[in-house]
Amino acid sequence: MHTIQASEFKAKCLALMDRVAATGESWVVTKNGKPVAELRPYTGGRAASPFGLHPGLKIHGDVLAPLPEDDWKVLP
């Protein structure tokens, strides 16, 4: 896998993205010699399940509605 410093990546970002799309190679972006990001070809869509959880998970009801106060329990 190829590596590139963040400063060089910043200057060559668009050209590097074109190269990755054309060749399929991956690059690791480093900052101060440490890996911080990876640029690789896009492989497809996201998980079909909600929030990337298990496919069998089903959400029932309004997940954004506040819970009744009786449902809150304080642990000792």
Protein backbone atom coordinates (compact mmCIF):
# COMPACT_ATOMS: atom_id res chain seq x y z
CA MET A 1 0.00 0.00 0.00
CA HIS A 2 1.25 3.46 -0.90
CA THR A 3 1.71 6.25 1.64
CA ILE A 4 1.54 10.01 1.22
CA GLN A 5 2.11 12.88 3.66
CA ALA A 6 -0.95 14.98 4.52
CA SER A 7 0.62 18.13 3.08
CA GLU A 8 1.30 16.42 -0.25
CA PHE A 9 -2.15 14.80 -0.19
CA LYS A 10 -3.72 18.24 0.24
CA ALA A 11 -1.92 19.51 -2.86
CA LYS A 12 -2.65 16.43 -5.00
CA CYS A 13 -6.01 15.27 -3.63
CA LEU A 14 -8.11 15.41 -6.81
CA ALA A 15 -5.43 13.84 -9.00
CA LEU A 16 -4.86 11.11 -6.42
CA MET A 17 -8.59 10.36 -6.26
CA ASP A 18 -8.63 9.97 -10.05
CA ARG A 19 -5.63 7.64 -9.84
CA VAL A 20 -7.27 5.49 -7.16
CA ALA A 21 -10.46 5.24 -9.23
CA ALA A 22 -8.51 4.25 -12.34
CA THR A 23 -6.03 1.79 -10.81
CA GLY A 24 -7.82 0.43 -7.75
CA GLU A 25 -4.80 1.04 -5.53
CA SER A 26 -5.09 2.25 -1.94
CA TRP A 27 -3.18 5.03 -0.19
CA VAL A 28 -2.50 5.77 3.48
CA VAL A 29 -2.32 9.44 4.41
CA THR A 30 0.19 10.17 7.17
CA LYS A 31 0.67 13.10 9.50
CA ASN A 32 3.98 13.39 11.33
CA GLY A 33 4.80 9.89 10.10
CA LYS A 34 1.68 8.29 11.61
CA PRO A 35 -1.21 6.92 9.55
CA VAL A 36 -4.38 9.03 9.91
CA ALA A 37 -6.57 8.10 6.92
CA GLU A 38 -6.89 5.68 4.06
CA LEU A 39 -7.97 6.45 0.51
CA ARG A 40 -9.25 3.41 -1.35
CA PRO A 41 -11.63 2.68 -4.22
CA TYR A 42 -15.34 2.87 -3.45
CA THR A 43 -16.77 -0.66 -3.30
CA GLY A 44 -20.49 -0.13 -3.07
CA GLY A 45 -23.35 1.01 -0.93
CA ARG A 46 -23.88 1.00 2.77
CA ALA A 47 -25.41 -1.72 4.89
CA ALA A 48 -29.09 -2.26 4.16
CA SER A 49 -29.95 -2.48 7.84
CA PRO A 50 -30.78 0.64 9.88
CA PHE A 51 -27.77 2.35 11.43
CA GLY A 52 -25.54 -0.49 10.18
CA LEU A 53 -26.92 -2.87 12.81
CA HIS A 54 -27.99 -6.49 12.51
CA PRO A 55 -30.24 -7.22 9.51
CA GLY A 56 -32.91 -8.81 11.77
CA LEU A 57 -33.28 -5.67 13.88
CA LYS A 58 -36.70 -4.02 13.77
CA ILE A 59 -37.50 -0.61 15.17
CA HIS A 60 -40.96 -0.28 16.72
CA GLY A 61 -42.49 3.02 17.68
CA ASP A 62 -41.04 6.50 17.71
CA VAL A 63 -37.35 6.29 18.58
CA LEU A 64 -37.15 10.06 18.98
CA ALA A 65 -40.04 10.48 21.42
CA PRO A 66 -39.05 11.06 25.05
CA LEU A 67 -39.49 8.17 27.48
CA PRO A 68 -42.00 8.47 30.31
CA GLU A 69 -40.38 9.36 33.65
CA ASP A 70 -41.42 5.96 35.07
CA ASP A 71 -39.11 4.25 32.56
CA TRP A 72 -36.02 5.97 34.00
CA LYS A 73 -34.34 4.10 36.82
CA VAL A 74 -31.45 5.44 38.84
CA LEU A 75 -28.78 2.87 39.61
CA PRO A 76 -27.22 2.93 43.08
